[in-house]
PDB file of all heavy atoms in Angstrom:
ATOM      1  N   ILE A   1       0.852  -1.196   0.000  1.00  0.00           N
ATOM      2  CA  ILE A   1       0.000   0.000   0.000  1.00  0.00           C
ATOM      3  C   ILE A   1       0.885   1.242   0.000  1.00  0.00           C
ATOM      4  O   ILE A   1       1.756   1.403   0.870  1.00  0.00           O
ATOM      5  CB  ILE A   1      -0.922  -0.001   1.233  1.00  0.00           C
ATOM      6  CG1 ILE A   1      -1.756  -1.293   1.256  1.00  0.00           C
ATOM      7  CG2 ILE A   1      -1.821   1.230   1.228  1.00  0.00           C
ATOM      8  CD1 ILE A   1      -2.518  -1.500   2.557  1.00  0.00           C
ATOM      9  N   PRO A   2       0.732   2.125  -0.982  1.00  0.00           N
ATOM     10  CA  PRO A   2       1.582   3.321  -1.049  1.00  0.00           C
ATOM     11  C   PRO A   2       1.426   4.186   0.209  1.00  0.00           C
ATOM     12  O   PRO A   2       0.338   4.274   0.803  1.00  0.00           O
ATOM     13  CB  PRO A   2       1.073   4.059  -2.288  1.00  0.00           C
ATOM     14  CG  PRO A   2       0.343   3.028  -3.083  1.00  0.00           C
ATOM     15  CD  PRO A   2      -0.234   2.079  -2.092  1.00  0.00           C
ATOM     16  N   GLU A   3       2.516   4.782   0.595  1.00  0.00           N
ATOM     17  CA  GLU A   3       2.484   5.665   1.760  1.00  0.00           C
ATOM     18  C   GLU A   3       1.515   6.815   1.509  1.00  0.00           C
ATOM     19  O   GLU A   3       1.494   7.416   0.431  1.00  0.00           O
ATOM     20  CB  GLU A   3       3.885   6.200   2.039  1.00  0.00           C
ATOM     21  CG  GLU A   3       3.985   7.004   3.331  1.00  0.00           C
ATOM     22  CD  GLU A   3       5.405   7.436   3.637  1.00  0.00           C
ATOM     23  OE1 GLU A   3       6.329   6.974   2.927  1.00  0.00           O
ATOM     24  OE2 GLU A   3       5.587   8.231   4.580  1.00  0.00           O
ATOM     25  N   GLY A   4       0.678   7.113   2.529  1.00  0.00           N
ATOM     26  CA  GLY A   4      -0.290   8.198   2.398  1.00  0.00           C
ATOM     27  C   GLY A   4      -1.635   7.757   1.864  1.00  0.00           C
ATOM     28  O   GLY A   4      -2.501   8.601   1.595  1.00  0.00           O
ATOM     29  N   TYR A   5      -1.801   6.433   1.710  1.00  0.00           N
ATOM     30  CA  TYR A   5      -3.067   5.911   1.186  1.00  0.00           C
ATOM     31  C   TYR A   5      -3.563   4.769   2.071  1.00  0.00           C
ATOM     32  O   TYR A   5      -2.796   4.094   2.754  1.00  0.00           O
ATOM     33  CB  TYR A   5      -2.895   5.406  -0.246  1.00  0.00           C
ATOM     34  CG  TYR A   5      -2.704   6.501  -1.263  1.00  0.00           C
ATOM     35  CD1 TYR A   5      -1.435   7.040  -1.483  1.00  0.00           C
ATOM     36  CD2 TYR A   5      -3.777   6.999  -1.986  1.00  0.00           C
ATOM     37  CE1 TYR A   5      -1.241   8.045  -2.412  1.00  0.00           C
ATOM     38  CE2 TYR A   5      -3.596   8.004  -2.922  1.00  0.00           C
ATOM     39  CZ  TYR A   5      -2.329   8.527  -3.134  1.00  0.00           C
ATOM     40  OH  TYR A   5      -2.157   9.533  -4.050  1.00  0.00           O
ATOM     41  N   SER A   6      -4.877   4.578   2.037  1.00  0.00           N
ATOM     42  CA  SER A   6      -5.499   3.424   2.678  1.00  0.00           C
ATOM     43  C   SER A   6      -6.282   2.651   1.623  1.00  0.00           C
ATOM     44  O   SER A   6      -6.543   3.160   0.530  1.00  0.00           O
ATOM     45  CB  SER A   6      -6.440   3.870   3.805  1.00  0.00           C
ATOM     46  OG  SER A   6      -7.507   4.665   3.284  1.00  0.00           O
ATOM     47  N   VAL A   7      -6.635   1.418   1.960  1.00  0.00           N
ATOM     48  CA  VAL A   7      -7.332   0.553   1.008  1.00  0.00           C
ATOM     49  C   VAL A   7      -8.769   0.335   1.447  1.00  0.00           C
ATOM     50  O   VAL A   7      -9.030   0.041   2.617  1.00  0.00           O
ATOM     51  CB  VAL A   7      -6.630  -0.811   0.887  1.00  0.00           C
ATOM     52  CG1 VAL A   7      -7.405  -1.738  -0.044  1.00  0.00           C
ATOM     53  CG2 VAL A   7      -5.215  -0.654   0.389  1.00  0.00           C
ATOM     54  N   THR A   8      -9.683   0.464   0.501  1.00  0.00           N
ATOM     55  CA  THR A   8     -11.085   0.114   0.739  1.00  0.00           C
ATOM     56  C   THR A   8     -11.557  -0.797  -0.389  1.00  0.00           C
ATOM     57  O   THR A   8     -10.975  -0.826  -1.470  1.00  0.00           O
ATOM     58  CB  THR A   8     -11.989   1.359   0.795  1.00  0.00           C
ATOM     59  OG1 THR A   8     -11.970   2.010  -0.480  1.00  0.00           O
ATOM     60  CG2 THR A   8     -11.534   2.325   1.864  1.00  0.00           C
ATOM     61  N   GLY A   9     -12.628  -1.536  -0.107  1.00  0.00           N
ATOM     62  CA  GLY A   9     -13.216  -2.404  -1.120  1.00  0.00           C
ATOM     63  C   GLY A   9     -12.624  -3.788  -1.182  1.00  0.00           C
ATOM     64  O   GLY A   9     -13.078  -4.625  -1.975  1.00  0.00           O
ATOM     65  N   TYR A  10     -11.628  -4.074  -0.356  1.00  0.00           N
ATOM     66  CA  TYR A  10     -11.005  -5.400  -0.450  1.00  0.00           C
ATOM     67  C   TYR A  10     -11.899  -6.500   0.114  1.00  0.00           C
ATOM     68  O   TYR A  10     -11.658  -7.695  -0.105  1.00  0.00           O
ATOM     69  CB  TYR A  10      -9.638  -5.411   0.232  1.00  0.00           C
ATOM     70  CG  TYR A  10      -9.659  -5.192   1.726  1.00  0.00           C
ATOM     71  CD1 TYR A  10      -9.819  -6.259   2.595  1.00  0.00           C
ATOM     72  CD2 TYR A  10      -9.494  -3.915   2.262  1.00  0.00           C
ATOM     73  CE1 TYR A  10      -9.813  -6.069   3.974  1.00  0.00           C
ATOM     74  CE2 TYR A  10      -9.496  -3.707   3.622  1.00  0.00           C
ATOM     75  CZ  TYR A  10      -9.661  -4.781   4.478  1.00  0.00           C
ATOM     76  OH  TYR A  10      -9.667  -4.579   5.828  1.00  0.00           O
ATOM     77  N   GLU A  11     -12.965  -6.103   0.836  1.00  0.00           N
ATOM     78  CA  GLU A  11     -13.904  -7.105   1.346  1.00  0.00           C
ATOM     79  C   GLU A  11     -14.540  -7.910   0.211  1.00  0.00           C
ATOM     80  O   GLU A  11     -14.910  -9.078   0.381  1.00  0.00           O
ATOM     81  CB  GLU A  11     -15.001  -6.431   2.163  1.00  0.00           C
ATOM     82  CG  GLU A  11     -14.505  -5.675   3.387  1.00  0.00           C
ATOM     83  CD  GLU A  11     -14.061  -4.250   3.050  1.00  0.00           C
ATOM     84  OE1 GLU A  11     -14.119  -3.892   1.850  1.00  0.00           O
ATOM     85  OE2 GLU A  11     -13.640  -3.521   3.960  1.00  0.00           O
ATOM     86  N   ASN A  12     -14.664  -7.280  -0.970  1.00  0.00           N
ATOM     87  CA  ASN A  12     -15.260  -7.972  -2.118  1.00  0.00           C
ATOM     88  C   ASN A  12     -14.366  -9.076  -2.673  1.00  0.00           C
ATOM     89  O   ASN A  12     -14.800  -9.852  -3.532  1.00  0.00           O
ATOM     90  CB  ASN A  12     -15.561  -6.973  -3.235  1.00  0.00           C
ATOM     91  CG  ASN A  12     -16.595  -5.949  -2.818  1.00  0.00           C
ATOM     92  OD1 ASN A  12     -17.489  -6.243  -2.027  1.00  0.00           O
ATOM     93  ND2 ASN A  12     -16.476  -4.730  -3.345  1.00  0.00           N
ATOM     94  N   LEU A  13     -13.132  -9.145  -2.199  1.00  0.00           N
ATOM     95  CA  LEU A  13     -12.213 -10.171  -2.671  1.00  0.00           C
ATOM     96  C   LEU A  13     -12.369 -11.490  -1.911  1.00  0.00           C
ATOM     97  O   LEU A  13     -11.678 -12.464  -2.214  1.00  0.00           O
ATOM     98  CB  LEU A  13     -10.766  -9.677  -2.530  1.00  0.00           C
ATOM     99  CG  LEU A  13     -10.425  -8.394  -3.302  1.00  0.00           C
ATOM    100  CD1 LEU A  13      -9.003  -7.957  -2.990  1.00  0.00           C
ATOM    101  CD2 LEU A  13     -10.601  -8.607  -4.795  1.00  0.00           C
ATOM    102  N   ASN A  14     -13.257 -11.507  -0.928  1.00  0.00           N
ATOM    103  CA  ASN A  14     -13.516 -12.729  -0.174  1.00  0.00           C
ATOM    104  C   ASN A  14     -14.695 -13.467  -0.813  1.00  0.00           C
ATOM    105  O   ASN A  14     -15.825 -12.971  -0.827  1.00  0.00           O
ATOM    106  CB  ASN A  14     -13.842 -12.394   1.284  1.00  0.00           C
ATOM    107  CG  ASN A  14     -12.648 -11.810   2.016  1.00  0.00           C
ATOM    108  OD1 ASN A  14     -11.690 -12.509   2.329  1.00  0.00           O
ATOM    109  ND2 ASN A  14     -12.696 -10.504   2.270  1.00  0.00           N
ATOM    110  N   THR A  15     -14.414 -14.622  -1.372  1.00  0.00           N
ATOM    111  CA  THR A  15     -15.461 -15.403  -2.038  1.00  0.00           C
ATOM    112  C   THR A  15     -15.143 -16.880  -1.914  1.00  0.00           C
ATOM    113  O   THR A  15     -13.981 -17.265  -1.717  1.00  0.00           O
ATOM    114  CB  THR A  15     -15.589 -15.001  -3.520  1.00  0.00           C
ATOM    115  OG1 THR A  15     -16.669 -15.697  -4.112  1.00  0.00           O
ATOM    116  CG2 THR A  15     -14.315 -15.338  -4.288  1.00  0.00           C
ATOM    117  N   LYS A  16     -16.182 -17.708  -2.028  1.00  0.00           N
ATOM    118  CA  LYS A  16     -15.961 -19.150  -1.937  1.00  0.00           C
ATOM    119  C   LYS A  16     -17.060 -19.898  -2.676  1.00  0.00           C
ATOM    120  O   LYS A  16     -18.236 -19.745  -2.376  1.00  0.00           O
ATOM    121  CB  LYS A  16     -15.902 -19.610  -0.483  1.00  0.00           C
ATOM    122  CG  LYS A  16     -15.535 -21.090  -0.317  1.00  0.00           C
ATOM    123  CD  LYS A  16     -15.330 -21.448   1.143  1.00  0.00           C
ATOM    124  CE  LYS A  16     -14.867 -22.884   1.305  1.00  0.00           C
ATOM    125  NZ  LYS A  16     -14.615 -23.241   2.730  1.00  0.00           N
ATOM    126  N   VAL A  17     -16.640 -20.694  -3.649  1.00  0.00           N
ATOM    127  CA  VAL A  17     -17.541 -21.621  -4.344  1.00  0.00           C
ATOM    128  C   VAL A  17     -16.875 -22.985  -4.274  1.00  0.00           C
ATOM    129  O   VAL A  17     -15.840 -23.216  -4.906  1.00  0.00           O
ATOM    130  CB  VAL A  17     -17.773 -21.214  -5.811  1.00  0.00           C
ATOM    131  CG1 VAL A  17     -18.634 -22.257  -6.508  1.00  0.00           C
ATOM    132  CG2 VAL A  17     -18.418 -19.843  -5.897  1.00  0.00           C
ATOM    133  N   GLU A  18     -17.435 -23.878  -3.508  1.00  0.00           N
ATOM    134  CA  GLU A  18     -16.839 -25.199  -3.326  1.00  0.00           C
ATOM    135  C   GLU A  18     -17.893 -26.255  -3.583  1.00  0.00           C
ATOM    136  O   GLU A  18     -18.915 -26.313  -2.891  1.00  0.00           O
ATOM    137  CB  GLU A  18     -16.270 -25.358  -1.917  1.00  0.00           C
ATOM    138  CG  GLU A  18     -15.505 -26.653  -1.724  1.00  0.00           C
ATOM    139  CD  GLU A  18     -14.809 -26.734  -0.378  1.00  0.00           C
ATOM    140  OE1 GLU A  18     -14.978 -25.807   0.436  1.00  0.00           O
ATOM    141  OE2 GLU A  18     -14.099 -27.724  -0.148  1.00  0.00           O
ATOM    142  N   ILE A  19     -17.678 -27.083  -4.592  1.00  0.00           N
ATOM    143  CA  ILE A  19     -18.618 -28.124  -4.963  1.00  0.00           C
ATOM    144  C   ILE A  19     -17.852 -29.404  -5.272  1.00  0.00           C
ATOM    145  O   ILE A  19     -16.626 -29.446  -5.199  1.00  0.00           O
ATOM    146  CB  ILE A  19     -19.471 -27.686  -6.186  1.00  0.00           C
ATOM    147  CG1 ILE A  19     -18.596 -27.020  -7.226  1.00  0.00           C
ATOM    148  CG2 ILE A  19     -20.602 -26.787  -5.792  1.00  0.00           C
ATOM    149  CD1 ILE A  19     -19.340 -26.373  -8.350  1.00  0.00           C
ATOM    150  N   GLU A  20     -18.572 -30.457  -5.641  1.00  0.00           N
ATOM    151  CA  GLU A  20     -17.965 -31.763  -5.834  1.00  0.00           C
ATOM    152  C   GLU A  20     -16.919 -31.750  -6.937  1.00  0.00           C
ATOM    153  O   GLU A  20     -15.886 -32.421  -6.838  1.00  0.00           O
ATOM    154  CB  GLU A  20     -19.060 -32.790  -6.156  1.00  0.00           C
ATOM    155  CG  GLU A  20     -18.545 -34.173  -6.541  1.00  0.00           C
ATOM    156  CD  GLU A  20     -17.748 -34.856  -5.432  1.00  0.00           C
ATOM    157  OE1 GLU A  20     -17.932 -34.498  -4.253  1.00  0.00           O
ATOM    158  OE2 GLU A  20     -16.942 -35.740  -5.763  1.00  0.00           O
ATOM    159  N   THR A  21     -17.172 -31.008  -7.997  1.00  0.00           N
ATOM    160  CA  THR A  21     -16.258 -31.020  -9.139  1.00  0.00           C
ATOM    161  C   THR A  21     -14.989 -30.215  -8.898  1.00  0.00           C
ATOM    162  O   THR A  21     -13.992 -30.389  -9.593  1.00  0.00           O
ATOM    163  CB  THR A  21     -16.959 -30.465 -10.384  1.00  0.00           C
ATOM    164  OG1 THR A  21     -17.392 -29.130 -10.115  1.00  0.00           O
ATOM    165  CG2 THR A  21     -18.162 -31.308 -10.755  1.00  0.00           C
ATOM    166  N   GLY A  22     -15.020 -29.285  -7.963  1.00  0.00           N
ATOM    167  CA  GLY A  22     -13.869 -28.417  -7.714  1.00  0.00           C
ATOM    168  C   GLY A  22     -14.313 -27.172  -6.989  1.00  0.00           C
ATOM    169  O   GLY A  22     -15.279 -27.188  -6.231  1.00  0.00           O
ATOM    170  N   GLY A  23     -13.629 -26.075  -7.236  1.00  0.00           N
ATOM    171  CA  GLY A  23     -14.045 -24.850  -6.571  1.00  0.00           C
ATOM    172  C   GLY A  23     -13.094 -23.706  -6.810  1.00  0.00           C
ATOM    173  O   GLY A  23     -12.000 -23.869  -7.367  1.00  0.00           O
ATOM    174  N   PHE A  24     -13.555 -22.539  -6.389  1.00  0.00           N
ATOM    175  CA  PHE A  24     -12.713 -21.347  -6.394  1.00  0.00           C
ATOM    176  C   PHE A  24     -12.984 -20.596  -5.102  1.00  0.00           C
ATOM    177  O   PHE A  24     -14.143 -20.368  -4.724  1.00  0.00           O
ATOM    178  CB  PHE A  24     -13.018 -20.446  -7.589  1.00  0.00           C
ATOM    179  CG  PHE A  24     -12.220 -19.163  -7.575  1.00  0.00           C
ATOM    180  CD1 PHE A  24     -10.900 -19.157  -7.998  1.00  0.00           C
ATOM    181  CD2 PHE A  24     -12.777 -17.975  -7.100  1.00  0.00           C
ATOM    182  CE1 PHE A  24     -10.147 -17.995  -7.972  1.00  0.00           C
ATOM    183  CE2 PHE A  24     -12.034 -16.805  -7.071  1.00  0.00           C
ATOM    184  CZ  PHE A  24     -10.715 -16.815  -7.510  1.00  0.00           C
ATOM    185  N   GLU A  25     -11.918 -20.220  -4.416  1.00  0.00           N
ATOM    186  CA  GLU A  25     -12.076 -19.422  -3.206  1.00  0.00           C
ATOM    187  C   GLU A  25     -10.944 -18.414  -3.117  1.00  0.00           C
ATOM    188  O   GLU A  25      -9.835 -18.630  -3.617  1.00  0.00           O
ATOM    189  CB  GLU A  25     -12.109 -20.307  -1.967  1.00  0.00           C
ATOM    190  CG  GLU A  25     -10.870 -21.145  -1.728  1.00  0.00           C
ATOM    191  CD  GLU A  25     -11.002 -21.987  -0.470  1.00  0.00           C
ATOM    192  OE1 GLU A  25     -11.041 -21.392   0.639  1.00  0.00           O
ATOM    193  OE2 GLU A  25     -11.074 -23.222  -0.596  1.00  0.00           O
ATOM    194  N   SER A  26     -11.256 -17.290  -2.518  1.00  0.00           N
ATOM    195  CA  SER A  26     -10.265 -16.226  -2.375  1.00  0.00           C
ATOM    196  C   SER A  26     -10.487 -15.508  -1.061  1.00  0.00           C
ATOM    197  O   SER A  26     -11.589 -15.506  -0.503  1.00  0.00           O
ATOM    198  CB  SER A  26     -10.360 -15.236  -3.543  1.00  0.00           C
ATOM    199  OG  SER A  26     -11.646 -14.635  -3.588  1.00  0.00           O
ATOM    200  N   SER A  27      -9.424 -14.893  -0.567  1.00  0.00           N
ATOM    201  CA  SER A  27      -9.512 -14.143   0.683  1.00  0.00           C
ATOM    202  C   SER A  27      -8.571 -12.950   0.606  1.00  0.00           C
ATOM    203  O   SER A  27      -7.601 -12.951  -0.156  1.00  0.00           O
ATOM    204  CB  SER A  27      -9.139 -15.025   1.880  1.00  0.00           C
ATOM    205  OG  SER A  27      -7.785 -15.447   1.784  1.00  0.00           O
ATOM    206  N   ALA A  28      -8.853 -11.931   1.401  1.00  0.00           N
ATOM    207  CA  ALA A  28      -8.006 -10.734   1.452  1.00  0.00           C
ATOM    208  C   ALA A  28      -7.934 -10.241   2.887  1.00  0.00           C
ATOM    209  O   ALA A  28      -8.943 -10.242   3.614  1.00  0.00           O
ATOM    210  CB  ALA A  28      -8.565  -9.647   0.539  1.00  0.00           C
ATOM    211  N   ARG A  29      -6.738  -9.820   3.287  1.00  0.00           N
ATOM    212  CA  ARG A  29      -6.556  -9.324   4.651  1.00  0.00           C
ATOM    213  C   ARG A  29      -5.445  -8.286   4.655  1.00  0.00           C
ATOM    214  O   ARG A  29      -4.540  -8.300   3.806  1.00  0.00           O
ATOM    215  CB  ARG A  29      -6.213 -10.467   5.602  1.00  0.00           C
ATOM    216  CG  ARG A  29      -4.890 -11.143   5.290  1.00  0.00           C
ATOM    217  CD  ARG A  29      -4.634 -12.365   6.164  1.00  0.00           C
ATOM    218  NE  ARG A  29      -3.321 -12.960   5.912  1.00  0.00           N
ATOM    219  CZ  ARG A  29      -3.070 -13.834   4.958  1.00  0.00           C
ATOM    220  NH1 ARG A  29      -4.054 -14.237   4.157  1.00  0.00           N
ATOM    221  NH2 ARG A  29      -1.846 -14.326   4.808  1.00  0.00           N
ATOM    222  N   LEU A  30      -5.506  -7.382   5.621  1.00  0.00           N
ATOM    223  CA  LEU A  30      -4.463  -6.378   5.794  1.00  0.00           C
ATOM    224  C   LEU A  30      -3.408  -6.900   6.754  1.00  0.00           C
ATOM    225  O   LEU A  30      -3.727  -7.446   7.812  1.00  0.00           O
ATOM    226  CB  LEU A  30      -5.054  -5.079   6.329  1.00  0.00           C
ATOM    227  CG  LEU A  30      -5.963  -4.292   5.375  1.00  0.00           C
ATOM    228  CD1 LEU A  30      -6.549  -3.078   6.095  1.00  0.00           C
ATOM    229  CD2 LEU A  30      -5.194  -3.860   4.134  1.00  0.00           C
ATOM    230  N   GLU A  31      -2.149  -6.747   6.373  1.00  0.00           N
ATOM    231  CA  GLU A  31      -1.027  -7.078   7.245  1.00  0.00           C
ATOM    232  C   GLU A  31      -0.060  -5.903   7.202  1.00  0.00           C
ATOM    233  O   GLU A  31       0.724  -5.767   6.257  1.00  0.00           O
ATOM    234  CB  GLU A  31      -0.333  -8.367   6.793  1.00  0.00           C
ATOM    235  CG  GLU A  31      -1.159  -9.624   6.991  1.00  0.00           C
ATOM    236  CD  GLU A  31      -0.389 -10.896   6.664  1.00  0.00           C
ATOM    237  OE1 GLU A  31       0.803 -10.772   6.281  1.00  0.00           O
ATOM    238  OE2 GLU A  31      -0.952 -11.994   6.788  1.00  0.00           O
ATOM    239  N   GLY A  32      -0.148  -5.027   8.210  1.00  0.00           N
ATOM    240  CA  GLY A  32       0.691  -3.837   8.222  1.00  0.00           C
ATOM    241  C   GLY A  32       0.368  -2.945   7.040  1.00  0.00           C
ATOM    242  O   GLY A  32      -0.790  -2.583   6.804  1.00  0.00           O
ATOM    243  N   ASN A  33       1.392  -2.631   6.256  1.00  0.00           N
ATOM    244  CA  ASN A  33       1.178  -1.759   5.100  1.00  0.00           C
ATOM    245  C   ASN A  33       0.996  -2.562   3.811  1.00  0.00           C
ATOM    246  O   ASN A  33       1.257  -2.066   2.714  1.00  0.00           O
ATOM    247  CB  ASN A  33       2.349  -0.788   4.933  1.00  0.00           C
ATOM    248  CG  ASN A  33       3.647  -1.503   4.569  1.00  0.00           C
ATOM    249  OD1 ASN A  33       3.785  -2.704   4.829  1.00  0.00           O
ATOM    250  ND2 ASN A  33       4.577  -0.780   3.963  1.00  0.00           N
ATOM    251  N   THR A  34       0.552  -3.825   3.938  1.00  0.00           N
ATOM    252  CA  THR A  34       0.310  -4.649   2.749  1.00  0.00           C
ATOM    253  C   THR A  34      -1.103  -5.225   2.777  1.00  0.00           C
ATOM    254  O   THR A  34      -1.689  -5.437   3.852  1.00  0.00           O
ATOM    255  CB  THR A  34       1.309  -5.815   2.643  1.00  0.00           C
ATOM    256  OG1 THR A  34       1.109  -6.712   3.755  1.00  0.00           O
ATOM    257  CG2 THR A  34       2.738  -5.312   2.627  1.00  0.00           C
ATOM    258  N   LEU A  35      -1.617  -5.464   1.596  1.00  0.00           N
ATOM    259  CA  LEU A  35      -2.863  -6.206   1.421  1.00  0.00           C
ATOM    260  C   LEU A  35      -2.477  -7.570   0.869  1.00  0.00           C
ATOM    261  O   LEU A  35      -1.862  -7.667  -0.199  1.00  0.00           O
ATOM    262  CB  LEU A  35      -3.799  -5.481   0.449  1.00  0.00           C
ATOM    263  CG  LEU A  35      -5.076  -6.225   0.061  1.00  0.00           C
ATOM    264  CD1 LEU A  35      -6.000  -6.403   1.261  1.00  0.00           C
ATOM    265  CD2 LEU A  35      -5.810  -5.494  -1.072  1.00  0.00           C
ATOM    266  N   VAL A  36      -2.817  -8.641   1.600  1.00  0.00           N
ATOM    267  CA  VAL A  36      -2.455 -10.000   1.196  1.00  0.00           C
ATOM    268  C   VAL A  36      -3.700 -10.692   0.652  1.00  0.00           C
ATOM    269  O   VAL A  36      -4.716 -10.815   1.334  1.00  0.00           O
ATOM    270  CB  VAL A  36      -1.876 -10.805   2.375  1.00  0.00           C
ATOM    271  CG1 VAL A  36      -1.531 -12.228   1.927  1.00  0.00           C
ATOM    272  CG2 VAL A  36      -0.643 -10.108   2.935  1.00  0.00           C
ATOM    273  N   ILE A  37      -3.596 -11.142  -0.587  1.00  0.00           N
ATOM    274  CA  ILE A  37      -4.709 -11.805  -1.270  1.00  0.00           C
ATOM    275  C   ILE A  37      -4.284 -13.227  -1.612  1.00  0.00           C
ATOM    276  O   ILE A  37      -3.187 -13.452  -2.137  1.00  0.00           O
ATOM    277  CB  ILE A  37      -5.080 -11.054  -2.563  1.00  0.00           C
ATOM    278  CG1 ILE A  37      -5.436  -9.601  -2.252  1.00  0.00           C
ATOM    279  CG2 ILE A  37      -6.228 -11.745  -3.291  1.00  0.00           C
ATOM    280  CD1 ILE A  37      -5.424  -8.711  -3.471  1.00  0.00           C
ATOM    281  N   GLU A  38      -5.139 -14.173  -1.317  1.00  0.00           N
ATOM    282  CA  GLU A  38      -4.878 -15.559  -1.664  1.00  0.00           C
ATOM    283  C   GLU A  38      -6.069 -16.115  -2.429  1.00  0.00           C
ATOM    284  O   GLU A  38      -7.224 -15.858  -2.085  1.00  0.00           O
ATOM    285  CB  GLU A  38      -4.594 -16.403  -0.424  1.00  0.00           C
ATOM    286  CG  GLU A  38      -3.324 -15.975   0.301  1.00  0.00           C
ATOM    287  CD  GLU A  38      -2.963 -16.895   1.442  1.00  0.00           C
ATOM    288  OE1 GLU A  38      -2.390 -17.962   1.158  1.00  0.00           O
ATOM    289  OE2 GLU A  38      -3.249 -16.546   2.599  1.00  0.00           O
ATOM    290  N   ALA A  39      -5.782 -16.881  -3.482  1.00  0.00           N
ATOM    291  CA  ALA A  39      -6.839 -17.473  -4.300  1.00  0.00           C
ATOM    292  C   ALA A  39      -6.465 -18.903  -4.642  1.00  0.00           C
ATOM    293  O   ALA A  39      -5.280 -19.227  -4.799  1.00  0.00           O
ATOM    294  CB  ALA A  39      -7.059 -16.658  -5.567  1.00  0.00           C
ATOM    295  N   LYS A  40      -7.482 -19.742  -4.762  1.00  0.00           N
ATOM    296  CA  LYS A  40      -7.263 -21.147  -5.127  1.00  0.00           C
ATOM    297  C   LYS A  40      -8.361 -21.605  -6.071  1.00  0.00           C
ATOM    298  O   LYS A  40      -9.547 -21.414  -5.797  1.00  0.00           O
ATOM    299  CB  LYS A  40      -7.254 -22.048  -3.888  1.00  0.00           C
ATOM    300  CG  LYS A  40      -6.997 -23.523  -4.206  1.00  0.00           C
ATOM    301  CD  LYS A  40      -7.087 -24.400  -2.969  1.00  0.00           C
ATOM    302  CE  LYS A  40      -8.529 -24.689  -2.587  1.00  0.00           C
ATOM    303  NZ  LYS A  40      -8.648 -25.744  -1.547  1.00  0.00           N
ATOM    304  N   LYS A  41      -7.955 -22.196  -7.184  1.00  0.00           N
ATOM    305  CA  LYS A  41      -8.904 -22.823  -8.111  1.00  0.00           C
ATOM    306  C   LYS A  41      -8.520 -24.289  -8.242  1.00  0.00           C
ATOM    307  O   LYS A  41      -7.354 -24.616  -8.464  1.00  0.00           O
ATOM    308  CB  LYS A  41      -8.877 -22.141  -9.477  1.00  0.00           C
ATOM    309  CG  LYS A  41      -9.890 -22.739 -10.457  1.00  0.00           C
ATOM    310  CD  LYS A  41      -9.970 -21.947 -11.751  1.00  0.00           C
ATOM    311  CE  LYS A  41      -8.698 -22.033 -12.548  1.00  0.00           C
ATOM    312  NZ  LYS A  41      -8.824 -21.395 -13.880  1.00  0.00           N
TER     313      LYS A  41
END
């Protein structure tokens, strides 16, 4: 995250679709001055 800025809207990066055939899920969290996003398909 650039100095002098904050992040909004990252809540929309949290999603989960998990079914028998497979799935896609993602998460986002703040850690200090970074936004950490993880996704799995």
